[in-house]
Amino acid sequence: SFIGKFSTVNPFKIFELKSNQILYKSRNLNNRTVSRSLIPRDYLNSNGIFKVPSQLLSSKRFSHTDLKVPNFDDYRRDSVKNPERSSFESSYGRRLGTYVPITLGIMGAIYGTKVLVVECVRIMSATADVLAVAQIEVKLSDIPEGANYT
């Protein structure tokens, strides 16, 4: 015998509900909501409260065949769209497109740093007239005491 005909997933699909099961509507249990699940009467006491651990409540399986799988083919590269071909064949070309701009950017940054350092050293170095005066050797014994030499 059965209590009635009912479907929890598809309202158009009908199955028999056995006499030792009842339809139990949603109730908050351990921060989980059991919604319209079939629970045998053996799991409930006379007040309708569960007598079993909460692991048994989460053991109901759900089908995920009705989920629409997203398609990202518009964003994928043409070389990896075919699932029958190995993506290893085009991996060097794909890496090249990533690593070349990064390498050029690093090389430009290194060159810019070199130019900046050379320019700072040139600005802080001694001028030509200071270098010319520094190369002249003068014997101090030839200069009389109290006199100036220019």
N, C-alpha and C. Protein backbone atom coordinates (compact mmCIF):
# COMPACT_ATOMS: atom_id res chain seq x y z
N SER A 1 0.84 -1.19 0.00
CA SER A 1 0.00 0.00 0.00
C SER A 1 0.88 1.24 0.00
N PHE A 2 0.29 2.35 -0.34
CA PHE A 2 1.04 3.60 -0.33
C PHE A 2 0.14 4.72 0.19
N ILE A 3 0.82 5.74 0.74
CA ILE A 3 0.09 6.88 1.28
C ILE A 3 -0.39 7.76 0.14
N GLY A 4 0.47 7.97 -0.84
CA GLY A 4 0.07 8.81 -1.97
C GLY A 4 1.14 8.78 -3.03
N LYS A 5 0.89 9.47 -4.10
CA LYS A 5 1.87 9.57 -5.17
C LYS A 5 2.46 10.98 -5.11
N PHE A 6 3.82 11.04 -5.15
CA PHE A 6 4.46 12.33 -4.97
C PHE A 6 5.85 12.29 -5.60
N SER A 7 6.30 13.41 -6.11
CA SER A 7 7.66 13.51 -6.63
C SER A 7 8.32 14.74 -6.04
N THR A 8 9.53 14.60 -5.50
CA THR A 8 10.23 15.74 -4.90
C THR A 8 11.05 16.51 -5.91
N VAL A 9 11.44 15.87 -7.02
CA VAL A 9 12.30 16.54 -7.99
C VAL A 9 11.52 17.03 -9.19
N ASN A 10 10.75 16.16 -9.80
CA ASN A 10 10.01 16.48 -11.01
C ASN A 10 8.52 16.30 -10.72
N PRO A 11 7.71 17.34 -10.79
CA PRO A 11 6.29 17.20 -10.47
C PRO A 11 5.55 16.31 -11.47
N PHE A 12 6.13 16.08 -12.65
CA PHE A 12 5.46 15.25 -13.64
C PHE A 12 5.81 13.77 -13.48
N LYS A 13 6.83 13.47 -12.71
CA LYS A 13 7.23 12.09 -12.48
C LYS A 13 6.56 11.62 -11.20
N ILE A 14 5.87 10.50 -11.26
CA ILE A 14 5.10 10.01 -10.12
C ILE A 14 5.72 8.72 -9.62
N PHE A 15 5.85 8.59 -8.30
CA PHE A 15 6.32 7.34 -7.74
C PHE A 15 5.50 7.04 -6.49
N GLU A 16 5.56 5.82 -6.05
CA GLU A 16 4.77 5.41 -4.90
C GLU A 16 5.52 5.70 -3.61
N LEU A 17 4.82 6.19 -2.64
CA LEU A 17 5.36 6.47 -1.32
C LEU A 17 4.94 5.33 -0.41
N LYS A 18 5.91 4.60 0.14
CA LYS A 18 5.59 3.44 0.96
C LYS A 18 5.02 3.89 2.30
N SER A 19 4.36 2.98 2.99
CA SER A 19 3.65 3.35 4.21
C SER A 19 4.59 3.65 5.37
N ASN A 20 5.84 3.21 5.34
CA ASN A 20 6.73 3.50 6.46
C ASN A 20 7.51 4.80 6.25
N GLN A 21 7.15 5.60 5.25
CA GLN A 21 7.81 6.87 5.01
C GLN A 21 6.79 7.99 5.06
N ILE A 22 7.25 9.15 5.50
CA ILE A 22 6.37 10.32 5.51
C ILE A 22 7.08 11.45 4.79
N LEU A 23 6.31 12.40 4.30
CA LEU A 23 6.88 13.58 3.68
C LEU A 23 7.22 14.56 4.80
N TYR A 24 8.50 14.92 4.90
CA TYR A 24 8.93 15.79 5.98
C TYR A 24 9.35 17.11 5.38
N LYS A 25 8.67 18.18 5.72
CA LYS A 25 8.95 19.48 5.13
C LYS A 25 10.17 20.11 5.80
N SER A 26 10.66 21.19 5.20
CA SER A 26 11.95 21.75 5.60
C SER A 26 11.94 22.23 7.05
N ARG A 27 13.05 21.99 7.70
CA ARG A 27 13.27 22.41 9.07
C ARG A 27 14.76 22.67 9.23
N ASN A 28 15.16 23.66 9.98
CA ASN A 28 16.57 23.99 10.14
C ASN A 28 17.21 23.04 11.13
N LEU A 29 18.14 22.21 10.66
CA LEU A 29 18.82 21.23 11.51
C LEU A 29 20.32 21.40 11.33
N ASN A 30 21.00 21.78 12.40
CA ASN A 30 22.45 21.96 12.37
C ASN A 30 22.88 22.88 11.22
N ASN A 31 22.20 23.98 11.06
CA ASN A 31 22.46 24.98 10.02
C ASN A 31 22.33 24.41 8.61
N ARG A 32 21.65 23.30 8.46
CA ARG A 32 21.37 22.74 7.14
C ARG A 32 19.87 22.62 7.00
N THR A 33 19.40 22.87 5.83
CA THR A 33 17.96 22.77 5.61
C THR A 33 17.67 21.51 4.82
N VAL A 34 16.83 20.70 5.38
CA VAL A 34 16.38 19.50 4.68
C VAL A 34 15.06 19.88 4.04
N SER A 35 15.06 19.96 2.73
CA SER A 35 13.85 20.43 2.07
C SER A 35 13.13 19.29 1.38
N ARG A 36 11.94 19.05 1.78
CA ARG A 36 11.03 18.09 1.17
C ARG A 36 11.70 16.74 0.91
N SER A 37 12.39 16.23 1.90
CA SER A 37 13.04 14.94 1.72
C SER A 37 12.19 13.85 2.34
N LEU A 38 12.36 12.65 1.84
CA LEU A 38 11.62 11.51 2.36
C LEU A 38 12.42 10.87 3.48
N ILE A 39 11.87 10.84 4.66
CA ILE A 39 12.56 10.30 5.82
C ILE A 39 11.73 9.17 6.39
N PRO A 40 12.33 7.99 6.58
CA PRO A 40 11.57 6.89 7.18
C PRO A 40 11.10 7.24 8.58
N ARG A 41 9.95 6.73 8.96
CA ARG A 41 9.40 7.02 10.28
C ARG A 41 10.26 6.47 11.40
N ASP A 42 11.09 5.47 11.09
CA ASP A 42 11.96 4.92 12.12
C ASP A 42 12.97 5.95 12.62
N TYR A 43 13.27 6.98 11.82
CA TYR A 43 14.26 7.98 12.20
C TYR A 43 13.67 9.09 13.07
N LEU A 44 12.36 9.10 13.25
CA LEU A 44 11.71 10.16 14.00
C LEU A 44 11.10 9.59 15.27
N ASN A 45 11.10 10.40 16.34
CA ASN A 45 10.37 9.97 17.53
C ASN A 45 8.92 10.45 17.42
N SER A 46 8.16 10.30 18.47
CA SER A 46 6.73 10.62 18.40
C SER A 46 6.46 12.10 18.18
N ASN A 47 7.42 12.98 18.54
CA ASN A 47 7.23 14.42 18.37
C ASN A 47 7.68 14.90 16.98
N GLY A 48 8.19 14.00 16.15
CA GLY A 48 8.66 14.40 14.83
C GLY A 48 10.09 14.90 14.83
N ILE A 49 10.84 14.64 15.91
CA ILE A 49 12.22 15.09 16.01
C ILE A 49 13.13 13.91 15.66
N PHE A 50 14.25 14.18 15.01
CA PHE A 50 15.15 13.13 14.57
C PHE A 50 15.79 12.40 15.74
N LYS A 51 15.92 11.08 15.58
CA LYS A 51 16.58 10.24 16.56
C LYS A 51 17.97 9.82 16.10
N VAL A 52 18.35 10.17 14.89
CA VAL A 52 19.60 9.67 14.32
C VAL A 52 20.57 10.82 14.10
N PRO A 53 21.86 10.49 13.92
CA PRO A 53 22.85 11.55 13.66
C PRO A 53 22.55 12.30 12.37
N SER A 54 23.08 13.51 12.29
CA SER A 54 22.80 14.35 11.13
C SER A 54 23.48 13.85 9.87
N GLN A 55 24.44 12.91 9.98
CA GLN A 55 25.09 12.39 8.78
C GLN A 55 24.09 11.64 7.90
N LEU A 56 23.11 11.02 8.51
CA LEU A 56 22.12 10.30 7.72
C LEU A 56 21.24 11.25 6.91
N LEU A 57 21.09 12.47 7.41
CA LEU A 57 20.25 13.43 6.69
C LEU A 57 20.93 13.93 5.42
N SER A 58 22.25 13.99 5.44
CA SER A 58 22.97 14.52 4.28
C SER A 58 23.37 13.43 3.30
N SER A 59 22.88 12.23 3.49
CA SER A 59 23.28 11.15 2.60
C SER A 59 22.39 11.03 1.37
N LYS A 60 21.42 11.90 1.23
CA LYS A 60 20.55 11.86 0.05
C LYS A 60 21.33 12.36 -1.16
N ARG A 61 21.24 11.66 -2.25
CA ARG A 61 21.97 12.01 -3.47
C ARG A 61 21.08 12.85 -4.37
N PHE A 62 21.70 13.82 -5.01
CA PHE A 62 20.98 14.67 -5.95
C PHE A 62 21.64 14.54 -7.33
N SER A 63 20.86 14.65 -8.35
CA SER A 63 21.38 14.56 -9.70
C SER A 63 21.71 15.96 -10.19
N HIS A 64 22.90 16.10 -10.79
CA HIS A 64 23.33 17.38 -11.32
C HIS A 64 23.39 17.35 -12.84
N THR A 65 22.59 16.49 -13.44
CA THR A 65 22.61 16.40 -14.89
C THR A 65 21.84 17.53 -15.56
N ASP A 66 21.06 18.25 -14.80
CA ASP A 66 20.28 19.34 -15.39
C ASP A 66 21.04 20.67 -15.38
N LEU A 67 22.27 20.70 -14.84
CA LEU A 67 23.04 21.94 -14.81
C LEU A 67 23.62 22.22 -16.18
N LYS A 68 23.56 23.47 -16.58
CA LYS A 68 24.13 23.87 -17.85
C LYS A 68 25.61 24.17 -17.65
N VAL A 69 26.46 23.48 -18.39
CA VAL A 69 27.90 23.66 -18.27
C VAL A 69 28.30 24.91 -19.05
N PRO A 70 29.04 25.83 -18.44
CA PRO A 70 29.43 27.05 -19.17
C PRO A 70 30.41 26.73 -20.29
N ASN A 71 30.33 27.50 -21.36
CA ASN A 71 31.20 27.32 -22.51
C ASN A 71 32.09 28.55 -22.64
N PHE A 72 33.40 28.36 -22.51
CA PHE A 72 34.35 29.46 -22.58
C PHE A 72 35.15 29.44 -23.88
N ASP A 73 34.61 28.83 -24.93
CA ASP A 73 35.33 28.73 -26.19
C ASP A 73 35.63 30.09 -26.81
N ASP A 74 34.80 31.09 -26.55
CA ASP A 74 35.05 32.41 -27.10
C ASP A 74 36.32 33.03 -26.52
N TYR A 75 36.70 32.62 -25.32
CA TYR A 75 37.86 33.19 -24.64
C TYR A 75 39.12 32.34 -24.81
N ARG A 76 38.97 31.11 -25.30
CA ARG A 76 40.11 30.21 -25.46
C ARG A 76 40.86 30.53 -26.75
N ARG A 77 42.15 30.22 -26.74
CA ARG A 77 42.95 30.40 -27.95
C ARG A 77 42.57 29.33 -28.97
N ASP A 78 42.70 29.67 -30.23
CA ASP A 78 42.31 28.73 -31.30
C ASP A 78 43.14 27.45 -31.25
N SER A 79 44.37 27.54 -30.79
CA SER A 79 45.25 26.38 -30.80
C SER A 79 44.87 25.33 -29.76
N VAL A 80 44.04 25.68 -28.79
CA VAL A 80 43.66 24.71 -27.75
C VAL A 80 42.17 24.41 -27.73
N LYS A 81 41.44 24.81 -28.74
CA LYS A 81 40.00 24.56 -28.76
C LYS A 81 39.64 23.12 -29.09
N ASN A 82 40.50 22.44 -29.84
CA ASN A 82 40.22 21.06 -30.23
C ASN A 82 40.63 20.12 -29.10
N PRO A 83 39.69 19.41 -28.47
CA PRO A 83 40.05 18.52 -27.35
C PRO A 83 40.77 17.26 -27.80
N GLU A 84 40.77 16.96 -29.09
CA GLU A 84 41.43 15.76 -29.61
C GLU A 84 42.93 15.96 -29.79
N ARG A 85 43.38 17.20 -29.92
CA ARG A 85 44.80 17.49 -30.13
C ARG A 85 45.47 17.83 -28.82
N SER A 86 46.75 17.50 -28.74
CA SER A 86 47.53 17.81 -27.54
C SER A 86 47.84 19.30 -27.52
N SER A 87 47.71 19.91 -26.37
CA SER A 87 48.01 21.34 -26.25
C SER A 87 49.50 21.58 -26.12
N PHE A 88 50.29 20.51 -25.96
CA PHE A 88 51.74 20.66 -25.83
C PHE A 88 52.36 21.19 -27.12
N GLU A 89 51.77 20.82 -28.27
CA GLU A 89 52.31 21.25 -29.56
C GLU A 89 52.33 22.77 -29.69
N SER A 90 51.36 23.43 -29.16
CA SER A 90 51.28 24.89 -29.29
C SER A 90 51.72 25.61 -28.02
N SER A 91 52.28 24.88 -27.06
CA SER A 91 52.61 25.51 -25.78
C SER A 91 53.73 26.54 -25.93
N TYR A 92 54.72 26.27 -26.82
CA TYR A 92 55.81 27.22 -26.97
C TYR A 92 55.32 28.53 -27.60
N GLY A 93 54.44 28.43 -28.55
CA GLY A 93 53.88 29.64 -29.16
C GLY A 93 53.06 30.45 -28.17
N ARG A 94 52.31 29.75 -27.32
CA ARG A 94 51.51 30.46 -26.32
C ARG A 94 52.41 31.09 -25.26
N ARG A 95 53.46 30.40 -24.88
CA ARG A 95 54.40 30.97 -23.91
C ARG A 95 55.12 32.17 -24.48
N LEU A 96 55.47 32.08 -25.77
CA LEU A 96 56.18 33.18 -26.42
C LEU A 96 55.37 34.47 -26.34
N GLY A 97 54.09 34.37 -26.57
CA GLY A 97 53.23 35.56 -26.50
C GLY A 97 53.15 36.16 -25.12
N THR A 98 53.44 35.37 -24.11
CA THR A 98 53.41 35.87 -22.73
C THR A 98 54.77 36.39 -22.30
N TYR A 99 55.82 35.63 -22.62
CA TYR A 99 57.14 35.94 -22.08
C TYR A 99 57.88 37.03 -22.84
N VAL A 100 57.62 37.20 -24.13
CA VAL A 100 58.33 38.23 -24.90
C VAL A 100 58.02 39.64 -24.38
N PRO A 101 56.77 40.03 -24.18
CA PRO A 101 56.54 41.38 -23.64
C PRO A 101 57.13 41.57 -22.24
N ILE A 102 57.09 40.54 -21.43
CA ILE A 102 57.66 40.65 -20.08
C ILE A 102 59.17 40.83 -20.18
N THR A 103 59.82 40.04 -21.04
CA THR A 103 61.27 40.15 -21.21
C THR A 103 61.66 41.52 -21.76
N LEU A 104 60.93 42.01 -22.74
CA LEU A 104 61.23 43.34 -23.29
C LEU A 104 61.05 44.43 -22.23
N GLY A 105 60.04 44.29 -21.40
CA GLY A 105 59.83 45.26 -20.33
C GLY A 105 60.96 45.25 -19.32
N ILE A 106 61.43 44.06 -18.96
CA ILE A 106 62.54 43.96 -18.00
C ILE A 106 63.82 44.54 -18.61
N MET A 107 64.07 44.23 -19.90
CA MET A 107 65.26 44.78 -20.56
C MET A 107 65.20 46.31 -20.63
N GLY A 108 64.03 46.86 -20.92
CA GLY A 108 63.88 48.31 -20.94
C GLY A 108 64.11 48.93 -19.57
N ALA A 109 63.63 48.26 -18.52
CA ALA A 109 63.83 48.78 -17.16
C ALA A 109 65.31 48.75 -16.78
N ILE A 110 66.01 47.68 -17.17
CA ILE A 110 67.45 47.59 -16.86
C ILE A 110 68.22 48.68 -17.62
N TYR A 111 67.90 48.88 -18.90
CA TYR A 111 68.58 49.92 -19.68
C TYR A 111 68.30 51.31 -19.10
N GLY A 112 67.06 51.56 -18.72
CA GLY A 112 66.72 52.85 -18.12
C GLY A 112 67.47 53.08 -16.82
N THR A 113 67.63 52.05 -16.02
CA THR A 113 68.38 52.16 -14.76
C THR A 113 69.84 52.46 -15.05
N LYS A 114 70.41 51.80 -16.07
CA LYS A 114 71.82 52.05 -16.43
C LYS A 114 72.02 53.50 -16.86
N VAL A 115 71.12 54.01 -17.70
CA VAL A 115 71.23 55.39 -18.17
C VAL A 115 71.13 56.35 -16.99
N LEU A 116 70.25 56.09 -16.06
CA LEU A 116 70.08 56.96 -14.89
C LEU A 116 71.34 56.97 -14.03
N VAL A 117 71.93 55.82 -13.80
CA VAL A 117 73.15 55.74 -12.97
C VAL A 117 74.31 56.45 -13.66
N VAL A 118 74.50 56.22 -14.96
CA VAL A 118 75.59 56.88 -15.70
C VAL A 118 75.40 58.39 -15.68
N GLU A 119 74.19 58.86 -15.85
CA GLU A 119 73.91 60.30 -15.85
C GLU A 119 74.18 60.90 -14.47
N CYS A 120 73.81 60.21 -13.41
CA CYS A 120 74.07 60.72 -12.05
C CYS A 120 75.57 60.78 -11.78
N VAL A 121 76.32 59.78 -12.21
CA VAL A 121 77.78 59.80 -12.02
C VAL A 121 78.40 60.93 -12.83
N ARG A 122 77.93 61.16 -14.04
CA ARG A 122 78.47 62.24 -14.87
C ARG A 122 78.20 63.61 -14.25
N ILE A 123 77.00 63.79 -13.70
CA ILE A 123 76.66 65.08 -13.10
C ILE A 123 77.49 65.34 -11.85
N MET A 124 77.72 64.31 -11.05
CA MET A 124 78.45 64.50 -9.79
C MET A 124 79.97 64.45 -9.95
N SER A 125 80.46 64.15 -11.12
CA SER A 125 81.92 64.09 -11.31
C SER A 125 82.50 65.51 -11.42
N ALA A 126 83.82 65.59 -11.31
CA ALA A 126 84.51 66.89 -11.35
C ALA A 126 84.50 67.44 -12.78
N THR A 127 84.49 68.77 -12.90
CA THR A 127 84.47 69.41 -14.21
C THR A 127 85.88 69.39 -14.82
N ALA A 128 85.98 69.80 -16.09
CA ALA A 128 87.26 69.74 -16.82
C ALA A 128 88.30 70.68 -16.22
N ASP A 129 87.93 71.92 -15.82
CA ASP A 129 88.91 72.84 -15.26
C ASP A 129 89.43 72.37 -13.91
N VAL A 130 88.58 71.71 -13.13
CA VAL A 130 89.03 71.16 -11.85
C VAL A 130 90.01 70.02 -12.10
N LEU A 131 89.73 69.20 -13.09
CA LEU A 131 90.64 68.10 -13.42
C LEU A 131 91.98 68.63 -13.95
N ALA A 132 91.95 69.71 -14.75
CA ALA A 132 93.19 70.29 -15.29
C ALA A 132 94.06 70.86 -14.18
N VAL A 133 93.47 71.56 -13.26
CA VAL A 133 94.22 72.14 -12.14
C VAL A 133 94.78 71.04 -11.26
N ALA A 134 94.04 69.96 -11.11
CA ALA A 134 94.48 68.87 -10.24
C ALA A 134 95.69 68.15 -10.82
N GLN A 135 95.93 68.26 -12.14
CA GLN A 135 97.05 67.56 -12.75
C GLN A 135 98.36 68.36 -12.69
N ILE A 136 98.31 69.62 -12.34
CA ILE A 136 99.50 70.46 -12.27
C ILE A 136 100.23 70.16 -10.97
N GLU A 137 101.54 69.88 -11.10
CA GLU A 137 102.34 69.64 -9.90
C GLU A 137 103.17 70.89 -9.61
N VAL A 138 103.14 71.33 -8.40
CA VAL A 138 103.87 72.53 -7.98
C VAL A 138 104.78 72.13 -6.82
N LYS A 139 106.06 72.54 -6.91
CA LYS A 139 106.97 72.28 -5.80
C LYS A 139 106.75 73.37 -4.76
N LEU A 140 106.44 72.95 -3.58
CA LEU A 140 106.18 73.92 -2.51
C LEU A 140 107.45 74.64 -2.07
N SER A 141 108.59 74.07 -2.33
CA SER A 141 109.85 74.72 -1.92
C SER A 141 110.15 75.93 -2.80
N ASP A 142 109.59 75.98 -4.01
CA ASP A 142 109.81 77.12 -4.90
C ASP A 142 108.98 78.34 -4.52
N ILE A 143 107.98 78.18 -3.69
CA ILE A 143 107.10 79.28 -3.31
C ILE A 143 107.65 79.88 -2.02
N PRO A 144 108.01 81.22 -2.05
CA PRO A 144 108.53 81.85 -0.82
C PRO A 144 107.43 81.96 0.24
N GLU A 145 107.87 82.01 1.47
CA GLU A 145 106.94 82.05 2.58
C GLU A 145 106.18 83.37 2.57
N GLY A 146 104.84 83.27 2.71
CA GLY A 146 103.99 84.44 2.71
C GLY A 146 103.55 84.88 1.34
N ALA A 147 104.01 84.23 0.26
CA ALA A 147 103.63 84.60 -1.10
C ALA A 147 102.54 83.65 -1.60
N ASN A 148 101.82 84.13 -2.62
CA ASN A 148 100.76 83.33 -3.24
C ASN A 148 101.21 82.87 -4.61
N TYR A 149 100.70 81.75 -5.05
CA TYR A 149 101.04 81.23 -6.36
C TYR A 149 99.76 80.87 -7.08
N THR A 150 99.57 81.44 -8.28
CA THR A 150 98.37 81.12 -9.04
C THR A 150 98.71 80.58 -10.40
